[in-house]
Protein backbone atom coordinates (compact mmCIF):
# COMPACT_ATOMS: atom_id res chain seq x y z
CA UNK A 1 16.57 55.91 -60.01
CA UNK A 2 14.61 55.02 -63.45
CA UNK A 3 11.62 52.09 -63.28
CA UNK A 4 12.25 49.08 -65.13
CA UNK A 5 9.13 47.58 -67.38
CA UNK A 6 8.41 44.23 -65.64
CA UNK A 7 9.65 42.29 -68.80
CA UNK A 8 13.42 44.12 -68.24
CA UNK A 9 13.38 43.11 -64.44
CA UNK A 10 12.66 39.50 -65.33
CA UNK A 11 15.54 39.72 -68.00
CA UNK A 12 17.69 41.15 -65.31
CA UNK A 13 16.82 38.20 -62.88
CA UNK A 14 17.29 35.53 -65.21
CA UNK A 15 20.76 36.62 -66.29
CA UNK A 16 21.83 36.27 -62.50
CA UNK A 17 24.20 33.11 -62.69
CA UNK A 18 22.58 30.35 -60.82
CA UNK A 19 25.71 30.29 -57.99
CA UNK A 20 24.81 34.03 -57.50
CA UNK A 21 21.20 33.84 -57.34
CA UNK A 22 21.07 33.94 -53.54
CA UNK A 23 19.23 35.93 -51.09
CA UNK A 24 21.53 39.15 -50.85
CA UNK A 25 22.28 39.30 -54.59
CA UNK A 26 18.93 39.23 -55.37
CA UNK A 27 17.63 41.61 -53.11
CA UNK A 28 20.29 44.09 -54.14
CA UNK A 29 19.19 43.83 -57.57
CA UNK A 30 15.77 44.49 -56.62
CA UNK A 31 16.75 47.56 -54.61
CA UNK A 32 18.41 49.04 -57.65
CA UNK A 33 15.56 48.28 -60.32
CA UNK A 34 11.99 49.41 -59.35
CA UNK A 35 9.57 48.12 -61.49
CA UNK A 36 7.55 50.41 -63.71
CA UNK A 37 4.10 50.22 -62.63
CA UNK A 38 2.22 50.68 -66.06
CA UNK A 39 4.11 47.31 -67.15
CA UNK A 40 2.03 45.45 -64.61
CA UNK A 41 -1.26 46.45 -65.11
CA UNK A 42 -2.46 43.36 -67.53
CA UNK A 43 -1.83 41.22 -63.98
CA UNK A 44 -3.95 43.25 -61.65
CA UNK A 45 -7.10 41.44 -60.77
CA UNK A 46 -8.81 42.04 -57.67
CA UNK A 47 -11.24 40.08 -55.49
CA UNK A 48 -13.40 41.49 -52.12
CA UNK A 49 -13.05 38.07 -50.72
CA UNK A 50 -9.16 37.29 -50.64
CA UNK A 51 -5.99 38.52 -52.20
CA UNK A 52 -5.13 37.59 -55.94
CA UNK A 53 -1.90 35.45 -56.62
CA UNK A 54 -1.23 36.42 -60.32
CA UNK A 55 1.67 34.62 -61.88
CA UNK A 56 3.62 37.06 -64.32
CA UNK A 57 6.76 34.59 -64.79
CA UNK A 58 7.75 31.19 -64.07
CA UNK A 59 10.68 28.78 -64.93
CA UNK A 60 12.67 25.71 -63.03
CA UNK A 61 14.86 28.60 -61.11
CA UNK A 62 12.11 31.31 -60.12
CA UNK A 63 8.69 32.54 -60.19
CA UNK A 64 7.14 35.93 -60.12
CA UNK A 65 3.62 36.77 -58.74
CA UNK A 66 1.91 40.12 -58.87
CA UNK A 67 -0.50 39.94 -55.62
CA UNK A 68 -3.06 42.56 -55.63
CA UNK A 69 -4.26 43.40 -52.20
CA UNK A 70 -7.94 44.96 -51.29
CA UNK A 71 -8.11 47.42 -48.52
CA UNK A 72 -8.02 45.37 -45.37
CA UNK A 73 -6.92 42.29 -46.97
CA UNK A 74 -4.20 40.14 -45.19
CA UNK A 75 -2.81 36.89 -45.54
CA UNK A 76 -2.47 34.13 -43.34
CA UNK A 77 0.82 33.57 -41.14
CA UNK A 78 2.62 31.33 -43.65
CA UNK A 79 6.04 29.77 -44.91
CA UNK A 80 7.45 29.37 -48.38
CA UNK A 81 8.06 25.43 -48.38
CA UNK A 82 11.91 26.66 -47.84
CA UNK A 83 12.07 28.53 -50.75
CA UNK A 84 13.72 32.11 -50.29
CA UNK A 85 11.54 35.10 -51.03
CA UNK A 86 11.92 38.72 -52.14
CA UNK A 87 9.22 41.20 -52.49
CA UNK A 88 8.71 45.03 -53.46
CA UNK A 89 5.67 46.89 -53.33
CA UNK A 90 4.85 49.54 -56.50
CA UNK A 91 1.28 50.34 -55.27
CA UNK A 92 0.48 51.10 -51.81
CA UNK A 93 1.80 50.07 -48.43
CA UNK A 94 1.87 46.91 -46.87
CA UNK A 95 2.76 45.75 -43.40
CA UNK A 96 4.76 42.54 -42.84
CA UNK A 97 5.37 40.42 -39.58
CA UNK A 98 7.85 37.69 -38.82
CA UNK A 99 7.41 35.19 -36.67
CA UNK A 100 10.18 32.80 -34.88
CA UNK A 101 9.13 28.99 -33.78
CA UNK A 102 9.18 28.85 -30.31
CA UNK A 103 7.88 25.18 -30.06
CA UNK A 104 6.85 22.42 -32.48
CA UNK A 105 5.45 19.06 -32.60
CA UNK A 106 5.09 17.80 -36.12
CA UNK A 107 3.54 14.77 -35.13
CA UNK A 108 0.44 16.49 -34.01
CA UNK A 109 0.92 19.45 -36.21
CA UNK A 110 1.28 21.90 -33.49
CA UNK A 111 3.50 25.12 -33.37
CA UNK A 112 4.19 27.84 -30.90
CA UNK A 113 4.96 31.41 -32.76
CA UNK A 114 6.54 34.37 -31.51
CA UNK A 115 6.53 37.71 -33.04
CA UNK A 116 10.07 38.94 -33.76
CA UNK A 117 9.77 41.91 -36.23
CA UNK A 118 7.32 44.08 -37.86
CA UNK A 119 8.14 45.99 -41.26
CA UNK A 120 6.51 48.18 -43.89
CA UNK A 121 6.99 47.77 -47.74
CA UNK A 122 5.95 51.01 -49.91
CA UNK A 123 7.25 52.94 -52.97
CA UNK A 124 9.15 49.80 -54.57
CA UNK A 125 11.55 49.22 -51.57
CA UNK A 126 12.80 45.57 -51.55
CA UNK A 127 12.31 43.09 -48.60
CA UNK A 128 13.55 39.88 -48.39
CA UNK A 129 12.45 36.70 -46.15
CA UNK A 130 15.34 34.87 -44.46
CA UNK A 131 15.26 31.08 -44.53
CA UNK A 132 16.23 31.18 -41.11
CA UNK A 133 12.99 33.02 -40.11
CA UNK A 134 10.81 31.87 -42.78
CA UNK A 135 7.00 32.48 -41.09
CA UNK A 136 5.50 35.67 -41.68
CA UNK A 137 2.20 37.52 -42.48
CA UNK A 138 1.73 40.09 -44.87
CA UNK A 139 -1.33 42.40 -44.42
CA UNK A 140 -2.93 45.63 -46.16
CA UNK A 141 -4.45 47.15 -43.35
CA UNK A 142 -7.49 48.87 -43.46
CA UNK A 143 -6.22 51.94 -41.92
CA UNK A 144 -3.96 52.20 -44.84
CA UNK A 145 -6.67 53.20 -46.81
CA UNK A 146 -6.01 51.71 -50.43
CA UNK A 147 -5.41 48.88 -52.70
CA UNK A 148 -1.91 47.18 -52.67
CA UNK A 149 0.26 45.70 -55.13
CA UNK A 150 3.40 43.48 -54.28
CA UNK A 151 5.48 41.55 -56.61
CA UNK A 152 6.88 38.18 -55.01
CA UNK A 153 10.00 36.43 -56.60
CA UNK A 154 10.35 33.00 -55.17
CA UNK A 155 13.66 31.00 -55.60
CA UNK A 156 12.16 28.14 -56.96
CA UNK A 157 8.48 27.68 -57.94
CA UNK A 158 6.13 25.85 -55.23
CA UNK A 159 2.53 24.51 -55.01
CA UNK A 160 2.06 23.95 -51.14
CA UNK A 161 2.96 25.88 -47.99
CA UNK A 162 2.11 25.62 -44.13
CA UNK A 163 -0.31 28.13 -42.71
CA UNK A 164 -0.57 28.49 -39.14
CA UNK A 165 -3.07 29.46 -36.80
CA UNK A 166 -1.80 31.14 -33.67
CA UNK A 167 -5.25 31.26 -31.87
CA UNK A 168 -4.70 26.93 -31.91
CA UNK A 169 -1.18 27.14 -32.06
CA UNK A 170 -1.57 24.51 -34.99
CA UNK A 171 -0.66 24.68 -38.85
CA UNK A 172 -1.65 22.78 -41.84
CA UNK A 173 -0.29 21.91 -45.56
CA UNK A 174 -2.40 24.52 -47.98
CA UNK A 175 -2.25 23.92 -51.95
CA UNK A 176 -1.78 27.50 -53.57
CA UNK A 177 -3.25 28.31 -56.66
CA UNK A 178 -2.83 31.05 -59.43
CA UNK A 179 -5.78 33.50 -59.98
CA UNK A 180 -4.36 34.73 -63.06
CA UNK A 181 -1.54 33.39 -65.62
CA UNK A 182 0.03 35.82 -67.78
CA UNK A 183 -2.87 38.14 -67.56
CA UNK A 184 -5.75 35.78 -68.05
CA UNK A 185 -7.80 34.78 -65.41
CA UNK A 186 -8.01 31.37 -64.39
CA UNK A 187 -10.89 29.26 -64.82
CA UNK A 188 -13.50 28.94 -61.61
CA UNK A 189 -11.52 32.44 -60.30
CA UNK A 190 -13.94 35.45 -59.64
CA UNK A 191 -12.01 38.83 -59.72
CA UNK A 192 -12.32 41.99 -61.37
CA UNK A 193 -9.76 44.73 -63.00
């Protein structure tokens, strides 16, 4: 299977009609169209403190990010504000864990989660986050021994999500920010190529 430049991947996603821009169709498109690593390099920024969120493309229907993970970096347990999510990992390897809600008290911002599935992503294999079970965590485990880059496509842009703490069974809404936009580092962000 020939790898597509990121620009062709974006054009292919844009060509999917609105009514067909659904979980399985986008997943199948990504599974059949791995992305060329060379075409992504301008979006690669790394930080020793936390993974970087690098905006590749955004319109009213979807946004695409290149997320760069140093060895040992992990996301919090989080959701995607009721948006669909697809991902692929063209560089390195990541582990994902999905969670279901066992109990929730929104008035107290308390939530008890149960781990339901663990999966690995590598070699540009596509994955999807189901809306039925949207809470998950992504990890570049130290034992993997290398940096990783994941491409994430969200069905609509969003700037907030819920972040969950399993130790205290609580959650909070967090504001999301980009580390770079179209290959240009954002003001105040400390990251290197």
